[in-house]
N, C-alpha and C. Protein backbone atom coordinates (compact mmCIF):
# COMPACT_ATOMS: atom_id res chain seq x y z
N MET A 1 -48.01 -5.38 -28.96
CA MET A 1 -46.79 -6.05 -29.36
C MET A 1 -46.14 -6.69 -28.14
N SER A 2 -45.73 -7.93 -28.24
CA SER A 2 -45.12 -8.63 -27.11
C SER A 2 -43.63 -8.30 -27.02
N ALA A 3 -43.12 -8.44 -25.80
CA ALA A 3 -41.70 -8.19 -25.56
C ALA A 3 -40.86 -9.29 -26.20
N PRO A 4 -39.67 -8.94 -26.67
CA PRO A 4 -38.80 -9.97 -27.25
C PRO A 4 -38.40 -11.01 -26.20
N VAL A 5 -38.19 -12.23 -26.63
CA VAL A 5 -37.81 -13.32 -25.74
C VAL A 5 -36.29 -13.46 -25.78
N ARG A 6 -35.66 -13.23 -24.63
CA ARG A 6 -34.21 -13.34 -24.54
C ARG A 6 -33.79 -14.80 -24.48
N PRO A 7 -32.79 -15.22 -25.28
CA PRO A 7 -32.28 -16.58 -25.18
C PRO A 7 -31.67 -16.83 -23.79
N VAL A 8 -31.69 -18.06 -23.35
CA VAL A 8 -31.13 -18.40 -22.04
C VAL A 8 -29.59 -18.42 -22.10
N HIS A 9 -28.98 -17.97 -21.02
CA HIS A 9 -27.51 -17.95 -20.98
C HIS A 9 -26.91 -19.35 -20.94
N ALA A 10 -27.67 -20.33 -20.52
CA ALA A 10 -27.16 -21.70 -20.49
C ALA A 10 -26.75 -22.16 -21.89
N ALA A 11 -27.28 -21.50 -22.91
CA ALA A 11 -26.94 -21.86 -24.29
C ALA A 11 -25.66 -21.16 -24.77
N THR A 12 -25.10 -20.26 -23.96
CA THR A 12 -23.85 -19.58 -24.33
C THR A 12 -22.71 -20.58 -24.26
N GLU A 13 -21.97 -20.73 -25.34
CA GLU A 13 -20.92 -21.74 -25.41
C GLU A 13 -19.59 -21.29 -24.85
N LYS A 14 -19.22 -20.03 -25.10
CA LYS A 14 -17.92 -19.53 -24.66
C LYS A 14 -18.04 -18.06 -24.31
N LEU A 15 -17.18 -17.62 -23.38
CA LEU A 15 -17.01 -16.20 -23.11
C LEU A 15 -15.55 -15.89 -23.42
N ILE A 16 -15.32 -14.99 -24.35
CA ILE A 16 -13.96 -14.64 -24.77
C ILE A 16 -13.72 -13.16 -24.53
N THR A 17 -12.67 -12.83 -23.81
CA THR A 17 -12.24 -11.45 -23.64
C THR A 17 -11.06 -11.24 -24.56
N PHE A 18 -11.18 -10.27 -25.49
CA PHE A 18 -10.12 -10.01 -26.45
C PHE A 18 -9.25 -8.85 -26.00
N LEU A 19 -7.93 -9.06 -26.09
CA LEU A 19 -6.93 -8.04 -25.78
C LEU A 19 -6.13 -7.77 -27.05
N TYR A 20 -5.73 -6.52 -27.25
CA TYR A 20 -5.09 -6.12 -28.50
C TYR A 20 -3.61 -5.79 -28.27
N TYR A 21 -2.74 -6.35 -29.15
CA TYR A 21 -1.30 -6.28 -28.95
C TYR A 21 -0.56 -5.73 -30.17
N ARG A 22 0.51 -5.00 -29.87
CA ARG A 22 1.43 -4.56 -30.91
C ARG A 22 2.36 -5.70 -31.30
N ASP A 23 2.75 -6.53 -30.31
CA ASP A 23 3.66 -7.65 -30.53
C ASP A 23 2.95 -8.94 -30.13
N LEU A 24 2.18 -9.49 -31.05
CA LEU A 24 1.40 -10.69 -30.77
C LEU A 24 2.27 -11.89 -30.40
N PRO A 25 3.39 -12.16 -31.08
CA PRO A 25 4.22 -13.31 -30.68
C PRO A 25 4.73 -13.22 -29.23
N ALA A 26 5.08 -12.02 -28.76
CA ALA A 26 5.53 -11.88 -27.36
C ALA A 26 4.39 -12.17 -26.40
N ALA A 27 3.20 -11.69 -26.72
CA ALA A 27 2.04 -11.97 -25.87
C ALA A 27 1.74 -13.46 -25.85
N MET A 28 1.82 -14.11 -27.00
CA MET A 28 1.58 -15.55 -27.08
C MET A 28 2.57 -16.31 -26.20
N ARG A 29 3.84 -15.97 -26.29
CA ARG A 29 4.85 -16.65 -25.47
C ARG A 29 4.53 -16.49 -23.99
N PHE A 30 4.12 -15.29 -23.58
CA PHE A 30 3.80 -15.04 -22.18
C PHE A 30 2.62 -15.90 -21.71
N TYR A 31 1.54 -15.89 -22.44
CA TYR A 31 0.35 -16.63 -22.02
C TYR A 31 0.54 -18.14 -22.12
N GLU A 32 1.37 -18.59 -23.04
CA GLU A 32 1.65 -20.02 -23.16
C GLU A 32 2.71 -20.46 -22.15
N ASP A 33 3.86 -19.78 -22.14
CA ASP A 33 5.00 -20.24 -21.35
C ASP A 33 4.93 -19.84 -19.88
N VAL A 34 4.46 -18.64 -19.58
CA VAL A 34 4.40 -18.18 -18.19
C VAL A 34 3.09 -18.59 -17.53
N ILE A 35 1.96 -18.25 -18.14
CA ILE A 35 0.66 -18.55 -17.54
C ILE A 35 0.28 -20.01 -17.77
N GLY A 36 0.75 -20.62 -18.85
CA GLY A 36 0.49 -22.04 -19.09
C GLY A 36 -0.81 -22.34 -19.81
N LEU A 37 -1.31 -21.37 -20.58
CA LEU A 37 -2.55 -21.61 -21.31
C LEU A 37 -2.28 -22.31 -22.63
N ALA A 38 -3.22 -23.13 -23.05
CA ALA A 38 -3.11 -23.84 -24.32
C ALA A 38 -3.90 -23.11 -25.39
N LEU A 39 -3.31 -22.99 -26.56
CA LEU A 39 -3.99 -22.37 -27.69
C LEU A 39 -5.15 -23.25 -28.10
N GLU A 40 -6.35 -22.71 -28.06
CA GLU A 40 -7.57 -23.46 -28.38
C GLU A 40 -8.00 -23.23 -29.83
N ILE A 41 -7.96 -21.95 -30.26
CA ILE A 41 -8.40 -21.59 -31.61
C ILE A 41 -7.36 -20.65 -32.21
N ASP A 42 -6.79 -21.05 -33.34
CA ASP A 42 -5.79 -20.22 -34.02
C ASP A 42 -6.42 -19.63 -35.27
N GLN A 43 -6.67 -18.34 -35.23
CA GLN A 43 -7.26 -17.65 -36.38
C GLN A 43 -6.21 -16.82 -37.11
N GLY A 44 -4.95 -17.16 -36.93
CA GLY A 44 -3.88 -16.42 -37.57
C GLY A 44 -3.53 -15.18 -36.77
N TRP A 45 -4.21 -14.10 -37.01
CA TRP A 45 -3.94 -12.83 -36.32
C TRP A 45 -4.70 -12.72 -34.99
N SER A 46 -5.48 -13.73 -34.65
CA SER A 46 -6.19 -13.81 -33.38
C SER A 46 -5.96 -15.20 -32.79
N LYS A 47 -5.51 -15.24 -31.56
CA LYS A 47 -5.21 -16.50 -30.87
C LYS A 47 -6.10 -16.58 -29.64
N ILE A 48 -6.84 -17.67 -29.51
CA ILE A 48 -7.78 -17.81 -28.41
C ILE A 48 -7.32 -18.95 -27.50
N TYR A 49 -7.17 -18.60 -26.20
CA TYR A 49 -6.66 -19.53 -25.20
C TYR A 49 -7.74 -19.85 -24.18
N ARG A 50 -7.85 -21.14 -23.86
CA ARG A 50 -8.81 -21.59 -22.83
C ARG A 50 -8.22 -21.29 -21.45
N VAL A 51 -9.02 -20.63 -20.62
CA VAL A 51 -8.63 -20.35 -19.24
C VAL A 51 -9.42 -21.26 -18.29
N THR A 52 -10.71 -21.42 -18.57
CA THR A 52 -11.60 -22.31 -17.82
C THR A 52 -12.40 -23.09 -18.85
N PRO A 53 -13.24 -24.05 -18.43
CA PRO A 53 -13.97 -24.82 -19.44
C PRO A 53 -14.70 -24.00 -20.50
N ASN A 54 -15.24 -22.85 -20.13
CA ASN A 54 -15.96 -22.02 -21.10
C ASN A 54 -15.48 -20.57 -21.13
N GLY A 55 -14.36 -20.29 -20.47
CA GLY A 55 -13.83 -18.93 -20.41
C GLY A 55 -12.50 -18.85 -21.14
N TYR A 56 -12.36 -17.86 -22.01
CA TYR A 56 -11.21 -17.74 -22.87
C TYR A 56 -10.66 -16.32 -22.88
N VAL A 57 -9.38 -16.21 -23.21
CA VAL A 57 -8.78 -14.91 -23.49
C VAL A 57 -8.28 -14.97 -24.92
N GLY A 58 -8.59 -13.92 -25.67
CA GLY A 58 -8.17 -13.84 -27.07
C GLY A 58 -7.10 -12.77 -27.22
N LEU A 59 -6.02 -13.11 -27.87
CA LEU A 59 -4.93 -12.17 -28.14
C LEU A 59 -5.01 -11.79 -29.61
N VAL A 60 -5.08 -10.50 -29.89
CA VAL A 60 -5.33 -10.04 -31.25
C VAL A 60 -4.21 -9.11 -31.72
N ASP A 61 -3.74 -9.34 -32.93
CA ASP A 61 -2.78 -8.43 -33.57
C ASP A 61 -3.52 -7.15 -33.90
N GLU A 62 -3.07 -6.04 -33.34
CA GLU A 62 -3.79 -4.76 -33.51
C GLU A 62 -3.93 -4.35 -34.98
N ARG A 63 -3.05 -4.84 -35.83
CA ARG A 63 -3.12 -4.43 -37.24
C ARG A 63 -4.32 -5.03 -37.96
N ARG A 64 -4.92 -6.07 -37.38
CA ARG A 64 -6.04 -6.75 -38.04
C ARG A 64 -7.34 -6.70 -37.26
N GLY A 65 -7.28 -6.45 -35.96
CA GLY A 65 -8.46 -6.52 -35.12
C GLY A 65 -9.35 -5.29 -35.20
N SER A 66 -10.42 -5.34 -34.45
CA SER A 66 -11.41 -4.26 -34.42
C SER A 66 -10.89 -3.02 -33.70
N HIS A 67 -9.87 -3.19 -32.84
CA HIS A 67 -9.31 -2.08 -32.07
C HIS A 67 -7.81 -2.03 -32.26
N ARG A 68 -7.20 -0.98 -31.75
CA ARG A 68 -5.75 -0.83 -31.77
C ARG A 68 -5.24 -0.94 -30.35
N ALA A 69 -4.03 -1.43 -30.20
CA ALA A 69 -3.40 -1.46 -28.88
C ALA A 69 -3.28 -0.03 -28.38
N ASN A 70 -3.37 0.14 -27.08
CA ASN A 70 -3.31 1.46 -26.48
C ASN A 70 -2.46 1.37 -25.22
N ASP A 71 -1.74 2.42 -24.92
CA ASP A 71 -0.91 2.41 -23.71
C ASP A 71 -1.76 2.38 -22.44
N ILE A 72 -2.98 2.89 -22.51
CA ILE A 72 -3.89 2.84 -21.37
C ILE A 72 -4.61 1.49 -21.41
N LYS A 73 -4.53 0.74 -20.33
CA LYS A 73 -5.10 -0.62 -20.26
C LYS A 73 -6.18 -0.68 -19.19
N PRO A 74 -7.42 -0.31 -19.51
CA PRO A 74 -8.47 -0.32 -18.50
C PRO A 74 -9.13 -1.70 -18.33
N VAL A 75 -8.40 -2.75 -18.65
CA VAL A 75 -8.93 -4.11 -18.55
C VAL A 75 -8.01 -4.91 -17.65
N GLN A 76 -8.59 -5.72 -16.78
CA GLN A 76 -7.81 -6.62 -15.94
C GLN A 76 -8.32 -8.04 -16.18
N ILE A 77 -7.41 -8.96 -16.38
CA ILE A 77 -7.76 -10.38 -16.45
C ILE A 77 -7.59 -10.93 -15.03
N CYS A 78 -8.63 -11.56 -14.51
CA CYS A 78 -8.58 -12.12 -13.16
C CYS A 78 -8.81 -13.62 -13.25
N MET A 79 -7.92 -14.36 -12.61
CA MET A 79 -8.05 -15.82 -12.59
C MET A 79 -8.16 -16.28 -11.14
N ARG A 80 -9.21 -17.03 -10.85
CA ARG A 80 -9.41 -17.60 -9.52
C ARG A 80 -8.72 -18.96 -9.51
N VAL A 81 -7.80 -19.15 -8.55
CA VAL A 81 -7.01 -20.38 -8.46
C VAL A 81 -7.16 -20.97 -7.06
N ALA A 82 -6.73 -22.22 -6.91
CA ALA A 82 -6.83 -22.90 -5.62
C ALA A 82 -5.79 -22.38 -4.62
N ASP A 83 -4.57 -22.04 -5.09
CA ASP A 83 -3.48 -21.66 -4.18
C ASP A 83 -2.78 -20.41 -4.70
N VAL A 84 -3.27 -19.25 -4.28
CA VAL A 84 -2.70 -17.98 -4.74
C VAL A 84 -1.24 -17.83 -4.34
N ASP A 85 -0.86 -18.34 -3.16
CA ASP A 85 0.52 -18.18 -2.71
C ASP A 85 1.50 -19.01 -3.53
N ALA A 86 1.07 -20.18 -3.98
CA ALA A 86 1.92 -20.98 -4.87
C ALA A 86 2.12 -20.26 -6.20
N TRP A 87 1.05 -19.66 -6.72
CA TRP A 87 1.16 -18.89 -7.96
C TRP A 87 2.07 -17.69 -7.77
N TYR A 88 1.96 -17.02 -6.61
CA TYR A 88 2.82 -15.86 -6.37
C TYR A 88 4.29 -16.28 -6.34
N ALA A 89 4.59 -17.38 -5.66
CA ALA A 89 5.98 -17.85 -5.60
C ALA A 89 6.52 -18.13 -7.01
N TYR A 90 5.70 -18.72 -7.85
CA TYR A 90 6.10 -19.00 -9.23
C TYR A 90 6.29 -17.71 -10.03
N ILE A 91 5.30 -16.82 -10.00
CA ILE A 91 5.36 -15.59 -10.78
C ILE A 91 6.50 -14.69 -10.31
N ARG A 92 6.76 -14.67 -9.01
CA ARG A 92 7.87 -13.87 -8.47
C ARG A 92 9.20 -14.28 -9.11
N GLU A 93 9.37 -15.57 -9.37
CA GLU A 93 10.59 -16.05 -10.02
C GLU A 93 10.70 -15.54 -11.46
N ILE A 94 9.58 -15.35 -12.13
CA ILE A 94 9.57 -14.84 -13.50
C ILE A 94 9.92 -13.36 -13.51
N GLY A 95 9.41 -12.63 -12.50
CA GLY A 95 9.73 -11.22 -12.34
C GLY A 95 9.06 -10.26 -13.32
N PRO A 96 7.75 -10.40 -13.56
CA PRO A 96 7.09 -9.48 -14.49
C PRO A 96 6.94 -8.08 -13.90
N ALA A 97 6.73 -7.11 -14.77
CA ALA A 97 6.49 -5.73 -14.34
C ALA A 97 5.21 -5.65 -13.52
N GLY A 98 5.16 -4.70 -12.61
CA GLY A 98 3.94 -4.43 -11.86
C GLY A 98 3.60 -5.46 -10.79
N LEU A 99 4.52 -6.36 -10.47
CA LEU A 99 4.22 -7.40 -9.49
C LEU A 99 4.05 -6.80 -8.10
N ARG A 100 2.93 -7.14 -7.46
CA ARG A 100 2.67 -6.72 -6.08
C ARG A 100 2.45 -7.96 -5.23
N GLU A 101 2.86 -7.88 -3.99
CA GLU A 101 2.72 -9.02 -3.08
C GLU A 101 1.25 -9.33 -2.82
N PRO A 102 0.95 -10.59 -2.50
CA PRO A 102 -0.43 -10.97 -2.20
C PRO A 102 -0.95 -10.23 -0.96
N ARG A 103 -2.24 -9.92 -1.03
CA ARG A 103 -2.93 -9.29 0.10
C ARG A 103 -4.27 -9.99 0.28
N SER A 104 -4.69 -10.04 1.52
CA SER A 104 -6.02 -10.58 1.82
C SER A 104 -6.99 -9.43 1.97
N ASN A 105 -8.21 -9.63 1.46
CA ASN A 105 -9.27 -8.64 1.57
C ASN A 105 -10.47 -9.34 2.18
N ALA A 106 -10.70 -9.08 3.47
CA ALA A 106 -11.79 -9.75 4.19
C ALA A 106 -13.15 -9.37 3.62
N GLU A 107 -13.30 -8.12 3.21
CA GLU A 107 -14.58 -7.68 2.67
C GLU A 107 -14.94 -8.45 1.40
N LEU A 108 -13.97 -8.63 0.51
CA LEU A 108 -14.21 -9.36 -0.74
C LEU A 108 -14.03 -10.87 -0.59
N LYS A 109 -13.47 -11.27 0.55
CA LYS A 109 -13.22 -12.68 0.85
C LYS A 109 -12.27 -13.32 -0.17
N ILE A 110 -11.20 -12.57 -0.50
CA ILE A 110 -10.19 -13.08 -1.43
C ILE A 110 -8.79 -12.77 -0.93
N ARG A 111 -7.85 -13.50 -1.42
CA ARG A 111 -6.42 -13.20 -1.28
C ARG A 111 -5.92 -13.11 -2.72
N ALA A 112 -5.19 -12.02 -3.05
CA ALA A 112 -4.85 -11.79 -4.45
C ALA A 112 -3.55 -11.03 -4.60
N PHE A 113 -2.97 -11.15 -5.80
CA PHE A 113 -1.84 -10.31 -6.19
C PHE A 113 -2.00 -9.98 -7.67
N VAL A 114 -1.26 -8.97 -8.11
CA VAL A 114 -1.34 -8.53 -9.50
C VAL A 114 0.04 -8.39 -10.10
N PHE A 115 0.08 -8.43 -11.44
CA PHE A 115 1.28 -8.18 -12.22
C PHE A 115 0.83 -7.84 -13.63
N ASN A 116 1.77 -7.42 -14.46
CA ASN A 116 1.42 -7.02 -15.83
C ASN A 116 1.94 -8.02 -16.85
N ASP A 117 1.18 -8.16 -17.94
CA ASP A 117 1.66 -8.95 -19.07
C ASP A 117 2.64 -8.09 -19.88
N PRO A 118 3.22 -8.60 -20.97
CA PRO A 118 4.26 -7.86 -21.69
C PRO A 118 3.87 -6.48 -22.20
N GLU A 119 2.59 -6.24 -22.46
CA GLU A 119 2.20 -4.92 -22.96
C GLU A 119 1.40 -4.11 -21.94
N GLY A 120 1.39 -4.57 -20.69
CA GLY A 120 0.82 -3.76 -19.62
C GLY A 120 -0.58 -4.10 -19.17
N TYR A 121 -1.21 -5.13 -19.73
CA TYR A 121 -2.50 -5.54 -19.19
C TYR A 121 -2.25 -6.14 -17.80
N GLN A 122 -3.08 -5.75 -16.83
CA GLN A 122 -2.91 -6.26 -15.48
C GLN A 122 -3.60 -7.62 -15.35
N ILE A 123 -2.90 -8.53 -14.70
CA ILE A 123 -3.45 -9.85 -14.40
C ILE A 123 -3.55 -9.95 -12.88
N GLU A 124 -4.70 -10.38 -12.42
CA GLU A 124 -4.89 -10.63 -10.99
C GLU A 124 -5.06 -12.13 -10.81
N ILE A 125 -4.31 -12.67 -9.86
CA ILE A 125 -4.47 -14.07 -9.46
C ILE A 125 -5.06 -14.03 -8.06
N GLN A 126 -6.16 -14.74 -7.86
CA GLN A 126 -6.81 -14.71 -6.55
C GLN A 126 -7.30 -16.08 -6.13
N SER A 127 -7.44 -16.23 -4.81
CA SER A 127 -8.06 -17.40 -4.20
C SER A 127 -9.13 -16.90 -3.24
N ALA A 128 -10.14 -17.72 -3.05
CA ALA A 128 -11.19 -17.39 -2.08
C ALA A 128 -10.66 -17.63 -0.68
N LEU A 129 -11.01 -16.72 0.24
CA LEU A 129 -10.70 -16.95 1.64
C LEU A 129 -11.80 -17.81 2.25
N ASP A 130 -11.42 -18.72 3.12
CA ASP A 130 -12.41 -19.60 3.77
C ASP A 130 -13.23 -18.82 4.76
């Protein structure tokens, strides 16, 4: 019997990370108004936002999705940007929970900071160090 043939990843159209919320409208306002993402696919109880050309974050109403919102958030959304310090200056003005100042990490070759969305998911904004 021959081994199965795996499809090529180049044929993958989108990568969507789904997060589950108790208050979907508050999460939507945050990702639209603060982060600046545009709603790409509206499925009613699931809202999918484009982050990169093929990378998306999906916000799901816990009452309808496959999972329930949980106080423990073992998921981090990380966005690589051109100017981490400009993003930090902007986010600092918003004042979200969990905001930490940017730090450089020579080993990882990044400069990054973190903060939390309205229900506690951590967001990391990072830039590559030259």
